[in-house]
Amino acid sequence: MLEGKRVAVVIPAYNEESLLPVTLGAIPDFVDRIIVVDDASRDGTVGRAHEVAVGDSRIAMIAHEQNGGVGAAIVTGYKRALAEGIDVTCVMAADNQMPPDDLEHLVRPVARGEVDYAKANRLFTGQAWEMIPRYRYLGNAVLSLWTKIASGYWHVADSQSGYTALSLELLGRLDLDRIYTRYGFPNDMLVHLNVWNARVRDIPSRPVYGVGERSGIRLHSVVPSISLLLFKGFWWRLWQKYVIRDFHPLVFFYALGILMSVAGFGFGLAEVVLRTLGNTITAASVVLVALLLIFGLQFSLFAMWFDMESNKDLR
């Protein structure tokens, strides 16, 4: 227990037979329950988890018959923690990349009721650029920007960090079966939390690489798929939060901004093509394109500002 609250750690695992025992052995004593969810591993992950569980009664093992993705494994762990009524449920990777010393810093603000969701941010430290592989750092930066816009949590960065702590109250409110089950899980989680006006805080964490981990992330496929997920999540959040639950005019600003920007870009591209083919371009058409682009940008920026103001207290 910590701050008088029961704490659980969910560990999604897939082909982590070598690093899982190290991860389990380093989990602090204040953790009351460790829920290992094997996502249909093809190696000896399940066996190694059972071996460690013999000496640690806190460990509960759940095995998926089919691989569902890291998000699906986390959801399974969340449901087990919810059934047991655990006050604070954390998520920790099985590959020993999440410093166990940082777990207390994640749990305390949630246990005290200061926030509903705490997540690690590896970008706070000056070590991030040197320690995180360049391609992953840049991919993280792009997705963090998209996630800010889609989720409404403009103060949150390092969107791909899966080292988190969640309160029992918010865990009970979330529709876990709607959250994306693969690598976009932490991004989609923030979108869903914002609909419930959950208070979210970034906690500085030390980046860890080169401990024998094997990443299954391929940026050329992951970045486009998560970007599409965030685009859909963005409109879903606006509809749920600013139309269904409590109307806010920023919806019109976003809609008009995007509509005018797309129209301006389309007309502008058509003008360029016509000019290239030798057609005459009128001054009125050029002015129209400029106005559409300018107003589209202004409407979009105003919508972002309204969204920031609406969510400024959720930290």
Foldseek 3Di string as FASTA:
>chain_A
DPLPFAEEEEEEDAQLLPQQVVVVVQADPSHQAYEYEYQCHPDCNVVSLVVSCVVPVRYDYHYDNHHQAQLVSVLVVLVVCLVVVGFKYWYDYSRPFFDNVCLVVQVVCCSVVVFFKEFEDQVVDPCCCVAPPPVVVVLQQVLQVLLCLLLLVVVDGSQQTRTMMGGSVVSVVFPSVPADRHSLRSSSVSLRCVLVLTAYYYDYGHGDDDPPDDDPDDSVPVSVVSSVVSVVSSVVSCCSRQPVPHNDCLVVLLVLLVVLQVVLVVLVVVQVVCVVVPHDDDPVSVVSSVVSNVSSVVSNVVSSVVSNVVNVPRD
